[in-house]
PDB file of N, CA and C in Angstrom:
ATOM      1  N   UNK A   1       0.831  -1.172   0.000  1.00  0.00           N
ATOM      2  CA  UNK A   1       0.000   0.000   0.000  1.00  0.00           C
ATOM      3  C   UNK A   1       0.879   1.241   0.000  1.00  0.00           C
ATOM      4  N   UNK A   2       0.564   2.189  -0.861  1.00  0.00           N
ATOM      5  CA  UNK A   2       1.320   3.429  -0.979  1.00  0.00           C
ATOM      6  C   UNK A   2       0.829   4.413   0.087  1.00  0.00           C
ATOM      7  N   UNK A   3       1.754   4.932   0.919  1.00  0.00           N
ATOM      8  CA  UNK A   3       1.331   5.872   1.959  1.00  0.00           C
ATOM      9  C   UNK A   3       0.830   7.188   1.368  1.00  0.00           C
ATOM     10  N   UNK A   4      -0.126   7.803   2.057  1.00  0.00           N
ATOM     11  CA  UNK A   4      -0.643   9.114   1.649  1.00  0.00           C
ATOM     12  C   UNK A   4       0.445  10.162   1.857  1.00  0.00           C
ATOM     13  N   UNK A   5       0.666  10.994   0.867  1.00  0.00           N
ATOM     14  CA  UNK A   5       1.635  12.081   0.991  1.00  0.00           C
ATOM     15  C   UNK A   5       1.039  13.336   0.378  1.00  0.00           C
ATOM     16  N   UNK A   6       1.558  14.488   0.792  1.00  0.00           N
ATOM     17  CA  UNK A   6       1.041  15.754   0.279  1.00  0.00           C
ATOM     18  C   UNK A   6       2.080  16.543  -0.507  1.00  0.00           C
ATOM     19  N   UNK A   7       3.327  16.041  -0.546  1.00  0.00           N
ATOM     20  CA  UNK A   7       4.362  16.747  -1.302  1.00  0.00           C
ATOM     21  C   UNK A   7       5.346  15.740  -1.878  1.00  0.00           C
ATOM     22  N   UNK A   8       6.084  16.189  -2.868  1.00  0.00           N
ATOM     23  CA  UNK A   8       7.126  15.349  -3.459  1.00  0.00           C
ATOM     24  C   UNK A   8       8.148  14.954  -2.403  1.00  0.00           C
ATOM     25  N   UNK A   9       8.545  15.907  -1.566  1.00  0.00           N
ATOM     26  CA  UNK A   9       9.545  15.633  -0.538  1.00  0.00           C
ATOM     27  C   UNK A   9       9.064  14.551   0.426  1.00  0.00           C
ATOM     28  N   UNK A  10       7.805  14.622   0.807  1.00  0.00           N
ATOM     29  CA  UNK A  10       7.245  13.624   1.707  1.00  0.00           C
ATOM     30  C   UNK A  10       7.202  12.244   1.031  1.00  0.00           C
ATOM     31  N   UNK A  11       6.838  12.240  -0.245  1.00  0.00           N
ATOM     32  CA  UNK A  11       6.822  10.984  -0.996  1.00  0.00           C
ATOM     33  C   UNK A  11       8.235  10.418  -1.121  1.00  0.00           C
ATOM     34  N   UNK A  12       9.213  11.288  -1.367  1.00  0.00           N
ATOM     35  CA  UNK A  12      10.617  10.865  -1.458  1.00  0.00           C
ATOM     36  C   UNK A  12      11.086  10.290  -0.131  1.00  0.00           C
ATOM     37  N   UNK A  13      10.759  10.960   0.962  1.00  0.00           N
ATOM     38  CA  UNK A  13      11.135  10.456   2.284  1.00  0.00           C
ATOM     39  C   UNK A  13      10.553   9.064   2.530  1.00  0.00           C
ATOM     40  N   UNK A  14       9.319   8.867   2.113  1.00  0.00           N
ATOM     41  CA  UNK A  14       8.660   7.574   2.293  1.00  0.00           C
ATOM     42  C   UNK A  14       9.366   6.495   1.477  1.00  0.00           C
ATOM     43  N   UNK A  15       9.685   6.800   0.217  1.00  0.00           N
ATOM     44  CA  UNK A  15      10.369   5.828  -0.640  1.00  0.00           C
ATOM     45  C   UNK A  15      11.764   5.515  -0.093  1.00  0.00           C
ATOM     46  N   UNK A  16      12.477   6.544   0.350  1.00  0.00           N
ATOM     47  CA  UNK A  16      13.824   6.324   0.900  1.00  0.00           C
ATOM     48  C   UNK A  16      13.777   5.541   2.207  1.00  0.00           C
ATOM     49  N   UNK A  17      12.737   5.746   2.985  1.00  0.00           N
ATOM     50  CA  UNK A  17      12.566   4.979   4.218  1.00  0.00           C
ATOM     51  C   UNK A  17      12.366   3.497   3.893  1.00  0.00           C
ATOM     52  N   UNK A  18      11.542   3.214   2.889  1.00  0.00           N
ATOM     53  CA  UNK A  18      11.339   1.822   2.456  1.00  0.00           C
ATOM     54  C   UNK A  18      12.647   1.226   1.964  1.00  0.00           C
ATOM     55  N   UNK A  19      13.378   1.984   1.178  1.00  0.00           N
ATOM     56  CA  UNK A  19      14.662   1.524   0.649  1.00  0.00           C
ATOM     57  C   UNK A  19      15.638   1.238   1.781  1.00  0.00           C
ATOM     58  N   UNK A  20      15.710   2.125   2.753  1.00  0.00           N
ATOM     59  CA  UNK A  20      16.608   1.949   3.900  1.00  0.00           C
ATOM     60  C   UNK A  20      16.281   0.659   4.648  1.00  0.00           C
ATOM     61  N   UNK A  21      14.999   0.409   4.886  1.00  0.00           N
ATOM     62  CA  UNK A  21      14.588  -0.808   5.587  1.00  0.00           C
ATOM     63  C   UNK A  21      15.028  -2.057   4.829  1.00  0.00           C
ATOM     64  N   UNK A  22      14.848  -2.044   3.519  1.00  0.00           N
ATOM     65  CA  UNK A  22      15.239  -3.194   2.691  1.00  0.00           C
ATOM     66  C   UNK A  22      16.750  -3.401   2.738  1.00  0.00           C
ATOM     67  N   UNK A  23      17.506  -2.316   2.573  1.00  0.00           N
ATOM     68  CA  UNK A  23      18.966  -2.423   2.572  1.00  0.00           C
ATOM     69  C   UNK A  23      19.464  -2.969   3.906  1.00  0.00           C
ATOM     70  N   UNK A  24      18.958  -2.431   5.004  1.00  0.00           N
ATOM     71  CA  UNK A  24      19.414  -2.890   6.323  1.00  0.00           C
ATOM     72  C   UNK A  24      19.040  -4.344   6.569  1.00  0.00           C
ATOM     73  N   UNK A  25      17.817  -4.719   6.214  1.00  0.00           N
ATOM     74  CA  UNK A  25      17.378  -6.107   6.424  1.00  0.00           C
ATOM     75  C   UNK A  25      18.255  -7.074   5.628  1.00  0.00           C
ATOM     76  N   UNK A  26      18.522  -6.736   4.379  1.00  0.00           N
ATOM     77  CA  UNK A  26      19.338  -7.625   3.535  1.00  0.00           C
ATOM     78  C   UNK A  26      20.807  -7.605   3.921  1.00  0.00           C
ATOM     79  N   UNK A  27      21.277  -6.455   4.388  1.00  0.00           N
ATOM     80  CA  UNK A  27      22.675  -6.372   4.820  1.00  0.00           C
ATOM     81  C   UNK A  27      22.901  -7.281   6.023  1.00  0.00           C
ATOM     82  N   UNK A  28      21.923  -7.318   6.933  1.00  0.00           N
ATOM     83  CA  UNK A  28      22.040  -8.206   8.094  1.00  0.00           C
ATOM     84  C   UNK A  28      22.083  -9.665   7.665  1.00  0.00           C
ATOM     85  N   UNK A  29      21.281 -10.011   6.679  1.00  0.00           N
ATOM     86  CA  UNK A  29      21.182 -11.413   6.248  1.00  0.00           C
ATOM     87  C   UNK A  29      22.269 -11.827   5.273  1.00  0.00           C
ATOM     88  N   UNK A  30      22.540 -10.975   4.279  1.00  0.00           N
ATOM     89  CA  UNK A  30      23.363 -11.410   3.131  1.00  0.00           C
ATOM     90  C   UNK A  30      24.542 -10.499   2.823  1.00  0.00           C
ATOM     91  N   UNK A  31      24.854  -9.552   3.673  1.00  0.00           N
ATOM     92  CA  UNK A  31      25.861  -8.540   3.365  1.00  0.00           C
ATOM     93  C   UNK A  31      27.142  -9.064   2.759  1.00  0.00           C
ATOM     94  N   UNK A  32      27.667 -10.147   3.311  1.00  0.00           N
ATOM     95  CA  UNK A  32      28.949 -10.665   2.835  1.00  0.00           C
ATOM     96  C   UNK A  32      28.881 -11.176   1.404  1.00  0.00           C
ATOM     97  N   UNK A  33      27.707 -11.570   0.946  1.00  0.00           N
ATOM     98  CA  UNK A  33      27.588 -12.087  -0.428  1.00  0.00           C
ATOM     99  C   UNK A  33      28.001 -11.059  -1.470  1.00  0.00           C
ATOM    100  N   UNK A  34      27.694  -9.798  -1.236  1.00  0.00           N
ATOM    101  CA  UNK A  34      28.049  -8.764  -2.206  1.00  0.00           C
ATOM    102  C   UNK A  34      29.553  -8.555  -2.291  1.00  0.00           C
ATOM    103  N   UNK A  35      30.253  -8.798  -1.202  1.00  0.00           N
ATOM    104  CA  UNK A  35      31.700  -8.577  -1.209  1.00  0.00           C
ATOM    105  C   UNK A  35      32.465  -9.659  -1.958  1.00  0.00           C
ATOM    106  N   UNK A  36      31.874 -10.812  -2.110  1.00  0.00           N
ATOM    107  CA  UNK A  36      32.575 -11.903  -2.797  1.00  0.00           C
ATOM    108  C   UNK A  36      32.932 -11.543  -4.234  1.00  0.00           C
ATOM    109  N   UNK A  37      32.044 -10.813  -4.907  1.00  0.00           N
ATOM    110  CA  UNK A  37      32.283 -10.473  -6.307  1.00  0.00           C
ATOM    111  C   UNK A  37      32.307  -8.972  -6.557  1.00  0.00           C
ATOM    112  N   UNK A  38      32.210  -8.178  -5.502  1.00  0.00           N
ATOM    113  CA  UNK A  38      32.342  -6.734  -5.609  1.00  0.00           C
ATOM    114  C   UNK A  38      31.350  -6.109  -6.570  1.00  0.00           C
ATOM    115  N   UNK A  39      31.783  -5.042  -7.182  1.00  0.00           N
ATOM    116  CA  UNK A  39      30.899  -4.291  -8.073  1.00  0.00           C
ATOM    117  C   UNK A  39      30.430  -5.112  -9.265  1.00  0.00           C
ATOM    118  N   UNK A  40      31.275  -5.981  -9.765  1.00  0.00           N
ATOM    119  CA  UNK A  40      30.871  -6.808 -10.901  1.00  0.00           C
ATOM    120  C   UNK A  40      29.673  -7.684 -10.520  1.00  0.00           C
ATOM    121  N   UNK A  41      29.707  -8.246  -9.325  1.00  0.00           N
ATOM    122  CA  UNK A  41      28.580  -9.042  -8.851  1.00  0.00           C
ATOM    123  C   UNK A  41      27.309  -8.220  -8.740  1.00  0.00           C
ATOM    124  N   UNK A  42      27.450  -6.977  -8.305  1.00  0.00           N
ATOM    125  CA  UNK A  42      26.282  -6.096  -8.209  1.00  0.00           C
ATOM    126  C   UNK A  42      25.746  -5.786  -9.593  1.00  0.00           C
ATOM    127  N   UNK A  43      26.629  -5.543 -10.549  1.00  0.00           N
ATOM    128  CA  UNK A  43      26.192  -5.285 -11.924  1.00  0.00           C
ATOM    129  C   UNK A  43      25.374  -6.469 -12.451  1.00  0.00           C
ATOM    130  N   UNK A  44      25.836  -7.664 -12.157  1.00  0.00           N
ATOM    131  CA  UNK A  44      25.126  -8.865 -12.614  1.00  0.00           C
ATOM    132  C   UNK A  44      23.756  -8.960 -11.953  1.00  0.00           C
ATOM    133  N   UNK A  45      23.681  -8.687 -10.664  1.00  0.00           N
ATOM    134  CA  UNK A  45      22.392  -8.733  -9.967  1.00  0.00           C
ATOM    135  C   UNK A  45      21.442  -7.658 -10.483  1.00  0.00           C
ATOM    136  N   UNK A  46      21.963  -6.469 -10.729  1.00  0.00           N
ATOM    137  CA  UNK A  46      21.120  -5.391 -11.270  1.00  0.00           C
ATOM    138  C   UNK A  46      20.632  -5.767 -12.666  1.00  0.00           C
ATOM    139  N   UNK A  47      21.497  -6.385 -13.455  1.00  0.00           N
ATOM    140  CA  UNK A  47      21.087  -6.828 -14.788  1.00  0.00           C
ATOM    141  C   UNK A  47      19.935  -7.825 -14.686  1.00  0.00           C
ATOM    142  N   UNK A  48      20.035  -8.732 -13.735  1.00  0.00           N
ATOM    143  CA  UNK A  48      18.959  -9.693 -13.476  1.00  0.00           C
ATOM    144  C   UNK A  48      17.643  -8.988 -13.158  1.00  0.00           C
ATOM    145  N   UNK A  49      17.724  -8.006 -12.273  1.00  0.00           N
ATOM    146  CA  UNK A  49      16.525  -7.247 -11.878  1.00  0.00           C
ATOM    147  C   UNK A  49      15.982  -6.436 -13.051  1.00  0.00           C
ATOM    148  N   UNK A  50      16.875  -5.883 -13.856  1.00  0.00           N
ATOM    149  CA  UNK A  50      16.454  -5.109 -15.025  1.00  0.00           C
ATOM    150  C   UNK A  50      15.703  -6.007 -16.006  1.00  0.00           C
ATOM    151  N   UNK A  51      16.205  -7.203 -16.216  1.00  0.00           N
ATOM    152  CA  UNK A  51      15.507  -8.167 -17.084  1.00  0.00           C
ATOM    153  C   UNK A  51      14.120  -8.488 -16.526  1.00  0.00           C
ATOM    154  N   UNK A  52      14.038  -8.643 -15.214  1.00  0.00           N
ATOM    155  CA  UNK A  52      12.754  -8.939 -14.582  1.00  0.00           C
ATOM    156  C   UNK A  52      11.763  -7.800 -14.813  1.00  0.00           C
ATOM    157  N   UNK A  53      12.218  -6.562 -14.622  1.00  0.00           N
ATOM    158  CA  UNK A  53      11.352  -5.387 -14.859  1.00  0.00           C
ATOM    159  C   UNK A  53      10.908  -5.358 -16.316  1.00  0.00           C
ATOM    160  N   UNK A  54      11.849  -5.577 -17.228  1.00  0.00           N
ATOM    161  CA  UNK A  54      11.521  -5.554 -18.657  1.00  0.00           C
ATOM    162  C   UNK A  54      10.447  -6.594 -18.971  1.00  0.00           C
ATOM    163  N   UNK A  55      10.581  -7.796 -18.435  1.00  0.00           N
ATOM    164  CA  UNK A  55       9.575  -8.831 -18.656  1.00  0.00           C
ATOM    165  C   UNK A  55       8.224  -8.427 -18.077  1.00  0.00           C
ATOM    166  N   UNK A  56       8.222  -7.847 -16.884  1.00  0.00           N
ATOM    167  CA  UNK A  56       6.966  -7.407 -16.276  1.00  0.00           C
ATOM    168  C   UNK A  56       6.275  -6.351 -17.136  1.00  0.00           C
ATOM    169  N   UNK A  57       7.072  -5.407 -17.644  1.00  0.00           N
ATOM    170  CA  UNK A  57       6.498  -4.330 -18.470  1.00  0.00           C
ATOM    171  C   UNK A  57       5.960  -4.865 -19.788  1.00  0.00           C
ATOM    172  N   UNK A  58       6.693  -5.770 -20.399  1.00  0.00           N
ATOM    173  CA  UNK A  58       6.246  -6.332 -21.672  1.00  0.00           C
ATOM    174  C   UNK A  58       4.992  -7.174 -21.503  1.00  0.00           C
ATOM    175  N   UNK A  59       4.885  -7.856 -20.368  1.00  0.00           N
ATOM    176  CA  UNK A  59       3.723  -8.701 -20.116  1.00  0.00           C
ATOM    177  C   UNK A  59       2.641  -7.954 -19.349  1.00  0.00           C
ATOM    178  N   UNK A  60       2.908  -6.690 -19.031  1.00  0.00           N
ATOM    179  CA  UNK A  60       2.007  -5.876 -18.209  1.00  0.00           C
ATOM    180  C   UNK A  60       1.595  -6.649 -16.958  1.00  0.00           C
ATOM    181  N   UNK A  61       2.595  -7.230 -16.319  1.00  0.00           N
ATOM    182  CA  UNK A  61       2.389  -8.106 -15.169  1.00  0.00           C
ATOM    183  C   UNK A  61       3.049  -7.486 -13.947  1.00  0.00           C
ATOM    184  N   UNK A  62       2.220  -7.003 -13.007  1.00  0.00           N
ATOM    185  CA  UNK A  62       2.769  -6.414 -11.791  1.00  0.00           C
ATOM    186  C   UNK A  62       2.716  -7.393 -10.628  1.00  0.00           C
ATOM    187  N   UNK A  63       2.094  -8.524 -10.797  1.00  0.00           N
ATOM    188  CA  UNK A  63       2.015  -9.501  -9.723  1.00  0.00           C
ATOM    189  C   UNK A  63       2.799 -10.753 -10.076  1.00  0.00           C
ATOM    190  N   UNK A  64       3.908 -10.558 -10.770  1.00  0.00           N
ATOM    191  CA  UNK A  64       4.795 -11.654 -11.134  1.00  0.00           C
ATOM    192  C   UNK A  64       5.287 -12.292  -9.838  1.00  0.00           C
ATOM    193  N   UNK A  65       6.468 -12.856  -9.836  1.00  0.00           N
ATOM    194  CA  UNK A  65       7.001 -13.458  -8.616  1.00  0.00           C
ATOM    195  C   UNK A  65       7.277 -12.413  -7.545  1.00  0.00           C
ATOM    196  N   UNK A  66       7.593 -11.214  -7.934  1.00  0.00           N
ATOM    197  CA  UNK A  66       7.733 -10.135  -6.968  1.00  0.00           C
ATOM    198  C   UNK A  66       7.177  -8.869  -7.601  1.00  0.00           C
ATOM    199  N   UNK A  67       6.546  -8.025  -6.809  1.00  0.00           N
ATOM    200  CA  UNK A  67       5.943  -6.815  -7.373  1.00  0.00           C
ATOM    201  C   UNK A  67       6.982  -5.908  -8.031  1.00  0.00           C
ATOM    202  N   UNK A  68       6.536  -5.163  -9.012  1.00  0.00           N
ATOM    203  CA  UNK A  68       7.430  -4.283  -9.759  1.00  0.00           C
ATOM    204  C   UNK A  68       8.131  -3.278  -8.842  1.00  0.00           C
ATOM    205  N   UNK A  69       7.390  -2.702  -7.910  1.00  0.00           N
ATOM    206  CA  UNK A  69       8.002  -1.715  -7.009  1.00  0.00           C
ATOM    207  C   UNK A  69       9.142  -2.332  -6.202  1.00  0.00           C
ATOM    208  N   UNK A  70       8.963  -3.548  -5.739  1.00  0.00           N
ATOM    209  CA  UNK A  70      10.016  -4.224  -4.975  1.00  0.00           C
ATOM    210  C   UNK A  70      11.261  -4.415  -5.830  1.00  0.00           C
ATOM    211  N   UNK A  71      11.074  -4.696  -7.102  1.00  0.00           N
ATOM    212  CA  UNK A  71      12.213  -4.875  -8.003  1.00  0.00           C
ATOM    213  C   UNK A  71      12.954  -3.556  -8.190  1.00  0.00           C
ATOM    214  N   UNK A  72      12.206  -2.458  -8.364  1.00  0.00           N
ATOM    215  CA  UNK A  72      12.851  -1.138  -8.475  1.00  0.00           C
ATOM    216  C   UNK A  72      13.616  -0.806  -7.192  1.00  0.00           C
ATOM    217  N   UNK A  73      13.042  -1.102  -6.037  1.00  0.00           N
ATOM    218  CA  UNK A  73      13.729  -0.849  -4.769  1.00  0.00           C
ATOM    219  C   UNK A  73      14.990  -1.705  -4.656  1.00  0.00           C
ATOM    220  N   UNK A  74      14.933  -2.933  -5.141  1.00  0.00           N
ATOM    221  CA  UNK A  74      16.131  -3.787  -5.141  1.00  0.00           C
ATOM    222  C   UNK A  74      17.245  -3.166  -5.977  1.00  0.00           C
ATOM    223  N   UNK A  75      16.901  -2.665  -7.144  1.00  0.00           N
ATOM    224  CA  UNK A  75      17.906  -2.048  -8.021  1.00  0.00           C
ATOM    225  C   UNK A  75      18.539  -0.842  -7.316  1.00  0.00           C
ATOM    226  N   UNK A  76      17.694   0.000  -6.717  1.00  0.00           N
ATOM    227  CA  UNK A  76      18.214   1.169  -5.995  1.00  0.00           C
ATOM    228  C   UNK A  76      19.087   0.728  -4.821  1.00  0.00           C
ATOM    229  N   UNK A  77      18.672  -0.320  -4.136  1.00  0.00           N
ATOM    230  CA  UNK A  77      19.450  -0.831  -3.013  1.00  0.00           C
ATOM    231  C   UNK A  77      20.821  -1.323  -3.431  1.00  0.00           C
ATOM    232  N   UNK A  78      20.867  -2.024  -4.555  1.00  0.00           N
ATOM    233  CA  UNK A  78      22.161  -2.487  -5.053  1.00  0.00           C
ATOM    234  C   UNK A  78      23.066  -1.303  -5.399  1.00  0.00           C
ATOM    235  N   UNK A  79      22.494  -0.245  -5.952  1.00  0.00           N
ATOM    236  CA  UNK A  79      23.289   0.938  -6.287  1.00  0.00           C
ATOM    237  C   UNK A  79      23.878   1.568  -5.024  1.00  0.00           C
ATOM    238  N   UNK A  80      23.080   1.680  -3.986  1.00  0.00           N
ATOM    239  CA  UNK A  80      23.571   2.241  -2.724  1.00  0.00           C
ATOM    240  C   UNK A  80      24.660   1.349  -2.141  1.00  0.00           C
ATOM    241  N   UNK A  81      24.464   0.043  -2.172  1.00  0.00           N
ATOM    242  CA  UNK A  81      25.472  -0.884  -1.645  1.00  0.00           C
ATOM    243  C   UNK A  81      26.781  -0.755  -2.423  1.00  0.00           C
ATOM    244  N   UNK A  82      26.690  -0.592  -3.732  1.00  0.00           N
ATOM    245  CA  UNK A  82      27.901  -0.420  -4.547  1.00  0.00           C
ATOM    246  C   UNK A  82      28.659   0.840  -4.132  1.00  0.00           C
ATOM    247  N   UNK A  83      27.929   1.913  -3.863  1.00  0.00           N
ATOM    248  CA  UNK A  83      28.568   3.154  -3.412  1.00  0.00           C
ATOM    249  C   UNK A  83      29.282   2.913  -2.082  1.00  0.00           C
ATOM    250  N   UNK A  84      28.628   2.208  -1.161  1.00  0.00           N
ATOM    251  CA  UNK A  84      29.259   1.932   0.138  1.00  0.00           C
ATOM    252  C   UNK A  84      30.495   1.050  -0.017  1.00  0.00           C
ATOM    253  N   UNK A  85      30.451   0.097  -0.922  1.00  0.00           N
ATOM    254  CA  UNK A  85      31.633  -0.737  -1.183  1.00  0.00           C
ATOM    255  C   UNK A  85      32.763   0.118  -1.732  1.00  0.00           C
ATOM    256  N   UNK A  86      32.453   0.975  -2.707  1.00  0.00           N
ATOM    257  CA  UNK A  86      33.483   1.841  -3.301  1.00  0.00           C
ATOM    258  C   UNK A  86      34.106   2.771  -2.261  1.00  0.00           C
ATOM    259  N   UNK A  87      33.303   3.217  -1.316  1.00  0.00           N
ATOM    260  CA  UNK A  87      33.791   4.129  -0.273  1.00  0.00           C
ATOM    261  C   UNK A  87      34.459   3.379   0.887  1.00  0.00           C
ATOM    262  N   UNK A  88      34.561   2.064   0.778  1.00  0.00           N
ATOM    263  CA  UNK A  88      35.111   1.227   1.855  1.00  0.00           C
ATOM    264  C   UNK A  88      34.333   1.408   3.161  1.00  0.00           C
ATOM    265  N   UNK A  89      33.012   1.576   3.049  1.00  0.00           N
ATOM    266  CA  UNK A  89      32.155   1.754   4.218  1.00  0.00           C
ATOM    267  C   UNK A  89      31.189   0.584   4.413  1.00  0.00           C
ATOM    268  N   UNK A  90      31.230  -0.373   3.543  1.00  0.00           N
ATOM    269  CA  UNK A  90      30.278  -1.484   3.567  1.00  0.00           C
ATOM    270  C   UNK A  90      30.411  -2.342   4.821  1.00  0.00           C
ATOM    271  N   UNK A  91      31.604  -2.464   5.355  1.00  0.00           N
ATOM    272  CA  UNK A  91      31.834  -3.340   6.503  1.00  0.00           C
ATOM    273  C   UNK A  91      31.863  -2.586   7.831  1.00  0.00           C
ATOM    274  N   UNK A  92      31.453  -1.326   7.826  1.00  0.00           N
ATOM    275  CA  UNK A  92      31.387  -0.586   9.088  1.00  0.00           C
ATOM    276  C   UNK A  92      30.406  -1.272  10.037  1.00  0.00           C
ATOM    277  N   UNK A  93      30.614  -1.129  11.349  1.00  0.00           N
ATOM    278  CA  UNK A  93      29.688  -1.756  12.297  1.00  0.00           C
ATOM    279  C   UNK A  93      28.292  -1.145  12.187  1.00  0.00           C
ATOM    280  N   UNK A  94      27.302  -1.969  12.454  1.00  0.00           N
ATOM    281  CA  UNK A  94      25.921  -1.499  12.432  1.00  0.00           C
ATOM    282  C   UNK A  94      25.571  -0.929  13.803  1.00  0.00           C
ATOM    283  N   UNK A  95      24.754   0.110  13.814  1.00  0.00           N
ATOM    284  CA  UNK A  95      24.379   0.777  15.061  1.00  0.00           C
ATOM    285  C   UNK A  95      23.597  -0.128  15.998  1.00  0.00           C
ATOM    286  N   UNK A  96      22.913  -1.128  15.457  1.00  0.00           N
ATOM    287  CA  UNK A  96      22.100  -1.997  16.307  1.00  0.00           C
ATOM    288  C   UNK A  96      22.922  -3.080  16.995  1.00  0.00           C
ATOM    289  N   UNK A  97      24.251  -3.028  16.814  1.00  0.00           N
ATOM    290  CA  UNK A  97      25.123  -3.958  17.496  1.00  0.00           C
ATOM    291  C   UNK A  97      25.317  -5.291  16.802  1.00  0.00           C
ATOM    292  N   UNK A  98      24.717  -5.466  15.630  1.00  0.00           N
ATOM    293  CA  UNK A  98      24.907  -6.713  14.900  1.00  0.00           C
ATOM    294  C   UNK A  98      26.374  -6.809  14.509  1.00  0.00           C
ATOM    295  N   UNK A  99      26.994  -7.930  14.812  1.00  0.00           N
ATOM    296  CA  UNK A  99      28.417  -8.114  14.549  1.00  0.00           C
ATOM    297  C   UNK A  99      28.657  -8.316  13.061  1.00  0.00           C
ATOM    298  N   UNK A 100      29.332  -7.383  12.435  1.00  0.00           N
ATOM    299  CA  UNK A 100      29.662  -7.479  11.021  1.00  0.00           C
ATOM    300  C   UNK A 100      31.160  -7.662  10.820  1.00  0.00           C
ATOM    301  N   UNK A 101      31.903  -7.858  11.898  1.00  0.00           N
ATOM    302  CA  UNK A 101      33.354  -7.994  11.814  1.00  0.00           C
ATOM    303  C   UNK A 101      33.759  -9.101  10.855  1.00  0.00           C
ATOM    304  N   UNK A 102      32.981 -10.189  10.803  1.00  0.00           N
ATOM    305  CA  UNK A 102      33.328 -11.309   9.924  1.00  0.00           C
ATOM    306  C   UNK A 102      33.313 -10.916   8.450  1.00  0.00           C
ATOM    307  N   UNK A 103      32.670  -9.797   8.120  1.00  0.00           N
ATOM    308  CA  UNK A 103      32.634  -9.369   6.713  1.00  0.00           C
ATOM    309  C   UNK A 103      34.005  -8.923   6.219  1.00  0.00           C
ATOM    310  N   UNK A 104      34.853  -8.482   7.109  1.00  0.00           N
ATOM    311  CA  UNK A 104      36.162  -7.996   6.682  1.00  0.00           C
ATOM    312  C   UNK A 104      36.945  -9.084   5.943  1.00  0.00           C
ATOM    313  N   UNK A 105      36.683 -10.343   6.256  1.00  0.00           N
ATOM    314  CA  UNK A 105      37.354 -11.446   5.577  1.00  0.00           C
ATOM    315  C   UNK A 105      36.996 -11.513   4.099  1.00  0.00           C
ATOM    316  N   UNK A 106      35.848 -10.948   3.726  1.00  0.00           N
ATOM    317  CA  UNK A 106      35.385 -11.023   2.347  1.00  0.00           C
ATOM    318  C   UNK A 106      35.747  -9.789   1.535  1.00  0.00           C
ATOM    319  N   UNK A 107      36.316  -8.782   2.176  1.00  0.00           N
ATOM    320  CA  UNK A 107      36.588  -7.530   1.479  1.00  0.00           C
ATOM    321  C   UNK A 107      37.574  -7.749   0.343  1.00  0.00           C
ATOM    322  N   UNK A 108      37.159  -7.446  -0.895  1.00  0.00           N
ATOM    323  CA  UNK A 108      38.076  -7.592  -2.023  1.00  0.00           C
ATOM    324  C   UNK A 108      39.086  -6.459  -2.032  1.00  0.00           C
ATOM    325  N   UNK A 109      40.216  -6.707  -2.655  1.00  0.00           N
ATOM    326  CA  UNK A 109      41.161  -5.613  -2.819  1.00  0.00           C
ATOM    327  C   UNK A 109      40.508  -4.601  -3.757  1.00  0.00           C
ATOM    328  N   UNK A 110      40.858  -3.323  -3.642  1.00  0.00           N
ATOM    329  CA  UNK A 110      40.172  -2.293  -4.418  1.00  0.00           C
ATOM    330  C   UNK A 110      40.165  -2.531  -5.932  1.00  0.00           C
ATOM    331  N   UNK A 111      41.216  -3.121  -6.469  1.00  0.00           N
ATOM    332  CA  UNK A 111      41.290  -3.300  -7.917  1.00  0.00           C
ATOM    333  C   UNK A 111      40.841  -4.677  -8.385  1.00  0.00           C
ATOM    334  N   UNK A 112      40.541  -5.560  -7.464  1.00  0.00           N
ATOM    335  CA  UNK A 112      40.259  -6.954  -7.816  1.00  0.00           C
ATOM    336  C   UNK A 112      39.101  -7.104  -8.788  1.00  0.00           C
ATOM    337  N   UNK A 113      38.048  -6.320  -8.606  1.00  0.00           N
ATOM    338  CA  UNK A 113      36.864  -6.470  -9.442  1.00  0.00           C
ATOM    339  C   UNK A 113      36.616  -5.244 -10.299  1.00  0.00           C
ATOM    340  N   UNK A 114      37.641  -4.458 -10.528  1.00  0.00           N
ATOM    341  CA  UNK A 114      37.487  -3.266 -11.333  1.00  0.00           C
ATOM    342  C   UNK A 114      37.434  -3.672 -12.794  1.00  0.00           C
ATOM    343  N   UNK A 115      36.284  -3.529 -13.410  1.00  0.00           N
ATOM    344  CA  UNK A 115      36.095  -3.921 -14.800  1.00  0.00           C
ATOM    345  C   UNK A 115      35.938  -2.651 -15.618  1.00  0.00           C
ATOM    346  N   UNK A 116      36.744  -2.488 -16.600  1.00  0.00           N
ATOM    347  CA  UNK A 116      36.680  -1.301 -17.447  1.00  0.00           C
ATOM    348  C   UNK A 116      36.315  -1.690 -18.873  1.00  0.00           C
ATOM    349  N   UNK A 117      35.570  -0.816 -19.504  1.00  0.00           N
ATOM    350  CA  UNK A 117      35.194  -1.029 -20.898  1.00  0.00           C
ATOM    351  C   UNK A 117      36.393  -0.699 -21.771  1.00  0.00           C
ATOM    352  N   UNK A 118      36.764  -1.630 -22.608  1.00  0.00           N
ATOM    353  CA  UNK A 118      37.848  -1.417 -23.557  1.00  0.00           C
ATOM    354  C   UNK A 118      37.281  -1.621 -24.954  1.00  0.00           C
ATOM    355  N   UNK A 119      37.153  -0.534 -25.742  1.00  0.00           N
ATOM    356  CA  UNK A 119      36.584  -0.687 -27.079  1.00  0.00           C
ATOM    357  C   UNK A 119      37.453  -1.594 -27.954  1.00  0.00           C
ATOM    358  N   UNK A 120      36.795  -2.381 -28.817  1.00  0.00           N
ATOM    359  CA  UNK A 120      37.560  -3.279 -29.689  1.00  0.00           C
ATOM    360  C   UNK A 120      37.982  -2.590 -30.955  1.00  0.00           C
TER     361      UNK A 120
END
């Protein structure tokens, strides 16, 4: 259900709040998975989500395996996680005291997954 809002800013705050909840919930459960393949892994996951959105739009299907809005939030969440990885902030401790120290073992070297486009 979409919350009632009276301004763009209020609607943005609501969407960002939903995004924050999703990112934190998934970071607690699966955070280390993103570090295994770094940004390249995130690109692959976003590509997967993009394909899902494209299929939903072509089939005009919003009740597929996951709602369209959830897929858009996933894409935005992956983008935020990529920024945190690039800033070396992904493994910072969580305020709620959840132990994330074990994630440091998965931290890739900065250049390990750096993929650059090289024209042929």
